[in-house]
Amino acid sequence: TVKASKSSPAAVRRSSRAKGAPARFRPGGDANVPSDVAQMIHDAAAAAAAKSVVPFEPSAVTALEEALEPMLEALAEAAAARAESKGRENFDEDDLKAVCKTFMKNC
């Protein structure tokens, strides 16, 4: 360590760590959610909060993320089931739209 004397300025320490945004950690979150899906959920929650006329606290955005996660999981499962019933292995945008329409009718 370098000691600064009263006559010389303190030494400036520089970190060698990467200066990127830290990975998001939610203690109650599902570790099985891929990071790109978690980012999509975060972006959707942040966009909804930004559009609101009522200010959102960070904890409210986190709560919104936690509410969106199981909803999107159910949507993806239903879209996958629809695609499988049509003989396809992967779902597409049309499957998602059809499932959303069904979900909205039942709400």
C-alpha atoms as a PDB file:
ATOM      1  CA  THR A   1       0.000   0.000   0.000  1.00  0.00           C
ATOM      2  CA  VAL A   2       1.045   3.560  -0.601  1.00  0.00           C
ATOM      3  CA  LYS A   3       0.804   5.946   2.294  1.00  0.00           C
ATOM      4  CA  ALA A   4       0.121   9.537   1.434  1.00  0.00           C
ATOM      5  CA  SER A   5       2.030  12.072   3.412  1.00  0.00           C
ATOM      6  CA  LYS A   6       0.551  15.419   4.343  1.00  0.00           C
ATOM      7  CA  SER A   7       2.601  17.115   1.642  1.00  0.00           C
ATOM      8  CA  SER A   8       1.697  14.745  -1.232  1.00  0.00           C
ATOM      9  CA  PRO A   9      -1.772  13.967  -2.588  1.00  0.00           C
ATOM     10  CA  ALA A  10      -3.321  10.557  -1.901  1.00  0.00           C
ATOM     11  CA  ALA A  11      -2.567   7.882  -4.477  1.00  0.00           C
ATOM     12  CA  VAL A  12      -5.493   7.135  -6.783  1.00  0.00           C
ATOM     13  CA  ARG A  13      -6.428   3.482  -6.942  1.00  0.00           C
ATOM     14  CA  ARG A  14      -7.857   2.097 -10.156  1.00  0.00           C
ATOM     15  CA  SER A  15      -9.859  -1.111 -10.383  1.00  0.00           C
ATOM     16  CA  SER A  16      -8.982  -3.663 -13.024  1.00  0.00           C
ATOM     17  CA  ARG A  17     -12.537  -5.100 -12.994  1.00  0.00           C
ATOM     18  CA  ALA A  18     -14.734  -4.936 -16.069  1.00  0.00           C
ATOM     19  CA  LYS A  19     -17.085  -1.984 -15.864  1.00  0.00           C
ATOM     20  CA  GLY A  20     -20.275  -3.627 -17.094  1.00  0.00           C
ATOM     21  CA  ALA A  21     -23.693  -3.771 -15.560  1.00  0.00           C
ATOM     22  CA  PRO A  22     -23.906  -6.487 -12.915  1.00  0.00           C
ATOM     23  CA  ALA A  23     -26.027  -9.545 -13.549  1.00  0.00           C
ATOM     24  CA  ARG A  24     -29.490  -9.128 -12.114  1.00  0.00           C
ATOM     25  CA  PHE A  25     -30.103 -11.197  -8.997  1.00  0.00           C
ATOM     26  CA  ARG A  26     -33.566 -11.833  -7.674  1.00  0.00           C
ATOM     27  CA  PRO A  27     -33.576 -14.043  -4.594  1.00  0.00           C
ATOM     28  CA  GLY A  28     -37.012 -15.480  -5.379  1.00  0.00           C
ATOM     29  CA  GLY A  29     -36.417 -15.764  -9.118  1.00  0.00           C
ATOM     30  CA  ASP A  30     -36.271 -18.980 -11.097  1.00  0.00           C
ATOM     31  CA  ALA A  31     -32.724 -20.066 -11.917  1.00  0.00           C
ATOM     32  CA  ASN A  32     -34.080 -21.996 -14.909  1.00  0.00           C
ATOM     33  CA  VAL A  33     -35.078 -18.817 -16.752  1.00  0.00           C
ATOM     34  CA  PRO A  34     -32.531 -18.109 -19.494  1.00  0.00           C
ATOM     35  CA  SER A  35     -30.787 -14.756 -19.154  1.00  0.00           C
ATOM     36  CA  ASP A  36     -32.186 -13.441 -22.452  1.00  0.00           C
ATOM     37  CA  VAL A  37     -35.733 -14.213 -21.257  1.00  0.00           C
ATOM     38  CA  ALA A  38     -34.983 -12.593 -17.889  1.00  0.00           C
ATOM     39  CA  GLN A  39     -33.721  -9.519 -19.763  1.00  0.00           C
ATOM     40  CA  MET A  40     -36.887  -9.463 -21.905  1.00  0.00           C
ATOM     41  CA  ILE A  41     -39.033  -9.642 -18.764  1.00  0.00           C
ATOM     42  CA  HIS A  42     -37.014  -6.842 -17.158  1.00  0.00           C
ATOM     43  CA  ASP A  43     -37.295  -4.688 -20.283  1.00  0.00           C
ATOM     44  CA  ALA A  44     -41.071  -5.227 -20.462  1.00  0.00           C
ATOM     45  CA  ALA A  45     -41.510  -4.324 -16.783  1.00  0.00           C
ATOM     46  CA  ALA A  46     -39.262  -1.268 -17.082  1.00  0.00           C
ATOM     47  CA  ALA A  47     -41.098  -0.090 -20.222  1.00  0.00           C
ATOM     48  CA  ALA A  48     -44.467  -0.477 -18.490  1.00  0.00           C
ATOM     49  CA  ALA A  49     -43.188   1.460 -15.484  1.00  0.00           C
ATOM     50  CA  ALA A  50     -41.792   4.200 -17.722  1.00  0.00           C
ATOM     51  CA  LYS A  51     -45.182   4.633 -19.461  1.00  0.00           C
ATOM     52  CA  SER A  52     -47.034   4.924 -16.169  1.00  0.00           C
ATOM     53  CA  VAL A  53     -48.188   8.340 -14.963  1.00  0.00           C
ATOM     54  CA  VAL A  54     -47.634   7.063 -11.421  1.00  0.00           C
ATOM     55  CA  PRO A  55     -43.940   6.809 -10.449  1.00  0.00           C
ATOM     56  CA  PHE A  56     -42.715   3.251  -9.828  1.00  0.00           C
ATOM     57  CA  GLU A  57     -40.302   2.352  -7.032  1.00  0.00           C
ATOM     58  CA  PRO A  58     -37.572  -0.147  -8.018  1.00  0.00           C
ATOM     59  CA  SER A  59     -39.216  -2.771  -5.793  1.00  0.00           C
ATOM     60  CA  ALA A  60     -42.471  -2.326  -7.740  1.00  0.00           C
ATOM     61  CA  VAL A  61     -40.658  -2.973 -11.016  1.00  0.00           C
ATOM     62  CA  THR A  62     -39.167  -6.133  -9.478  1.00  0.00           C
ATOM     63  CA  ALA A  63     -42.635  -7.223  -8.344  1.00  0.00           C
ATOM     64  CA  LEU A  64     -43.910  -6.648 -11.883  1.00  0.00           C
ATOM     65  CA  GLU A  65     -41.075  -8.792 -13.252  1.00  0.00           C
ATOM     66  CA  GLU A  66     -42.003 -11.556 -10.814  1.00  0.00           C
ATOM     67  CA  ALA A  67     -45.623 -11.352 -11.969  1.00  0.00           C
ATOM     68  CA  LEU A  68     -44.694 -11.426 -15.665  1.00  0.00           C
ATOM     69  CA  GLU A  69     -42.413 -14.451 -15.395  1.00  0.00           C
ATOM     70  CA  PRO A  70     -45.060 -17.151 -14.794  1.00  0.00           C
ATOM     71  CA  MET A  71     -47.433 -15.480 -17.269  1.00  0.00           C
ATOM     72  CA  LEU A  72     -44.840 -15.589 -20.041  1.00  0.00           C
ATOM     73  CA  GLU A  73     -43.971 -19.167 -19.108  1.00  0.00           C
ATOM     74  CA  ALA A  74     -47.632 -20.181 -19.450  1.00  0.00           C
ATOM     75  CA  LEU A  75     -47.860 -18.309 -22.756  1.00  0.00           C
ATOM     76  CA  ALA A  76     -44.789 -20.095 -24.146  1.00  0.00           C
ATOM     77  CA  GLU A  77     -46.060 -23.501 -22.979  1.00  0.00           C
ATOM     78  CA  ALA A  78     -49.450 -22.924 -24.605  1.00  0.00           C
ATOM     79  CA  ALA A  79     -47.828 -21.714 -27.837  1.00  0.00           C
ATOM     80  CA  ALA A  80     -45.560 -24.772 -27.878  1.00  0.00           C
ATOM     81  CA  ALA A  81     -48.562 -27.069 -27.363  1.00  0.00           C
ATOM     82  CA  ARG A  82     -50.390 -25.352 -30.232  1.00  0.00           C
ATOM     83  CA  ALA A  83     -47.372 -25.728 -32.522  1.00  0.00           C
ATOM     84  CA  GLU A  84     -47.017 -29.404 -31.566  1.00  0.00           C
ATOM     85  CA  SER A  85     -50.713 -30.005 -32.327  1.00  0.00           C
ATOM     86  CA  LYS A  86     -50.058 -28.607 -35.812  1.00  0.00           C
ATOM     87  CA  GLY A  87     -47.066 -30.929 -36.300  1.00  0.00           C
ATOM     88  CA  ARG A  88     -44.320 -28.377 -35.684  1.00  0.00           C
ATOM     89  CA  GLU A  89     -41.477 -28.628 -33.214  1.00  0.00           C
ATOM     90  CA  ASN A  90     -41.126 -24.886 -32.500  1.00  0.00           C
ATOM     91  CA  PHE A  91     -43.775 -22.238 -32.007  1.00  0.00           C
ATOM     92  CA  ASP A  92     -43.889 -19.050 -34.030  1.00  0.00           C
ATOM     93  CA  GLU A  93     -45.468 -15.610 -33.855  1.00  0.00           C
ATOM     94  CA  ASP A  94     -48.815 -16.892 -35.133  1.00  0.00           C
ATOM     95  CA  ASP A  95     -48.958 -19.405 -32.282  1.00  0.00           C
ATOM     96  CA  LEU A  96     -48.225 -16.671 -29.755  1.00  0.00           C
ATOM     97  CA  LYS A  97     -50.895 -14.403 -31.229  1.00  0.00           C
ATOM     98  CA  ALA A  98     -53.500 -17.182 -31.196  1.00  0.00           C
ATOM     99  CA  VAL A  99     -52.689 -18.094 -27.598  1.00  0.00           C
ATOM    100  CA  CYS A 100     -52.773 -14.432 -26.527  1.00  0.00           C
ATOM    101  CA  LYS A 101     -56.179 -14.055 -28.145  1.00  0.00           C
ATOM    102  CA  THR A 102     -57.445 -17.104 -26.237  1.00  0.00           C
ATOM    103  CA  PHE A 103     -55.938 -15.876 -22.972  1.00  0.00           C
ATOM    104  CA  MET A 104     -57.551 -12.451 -23.402  1.00  0.00           C
ATOM    105  CA  LYS A 105     -60.976 -13.990 -24.030  1.00  0.00           C
ATOM    106  CA  ASN A 106     -60.728 -15.980 -20.799  1.00  0.00           C
ATOM    107  CA  CYS A 107     -59.672 -13.059 -18.613  1.00  0.00           C
END
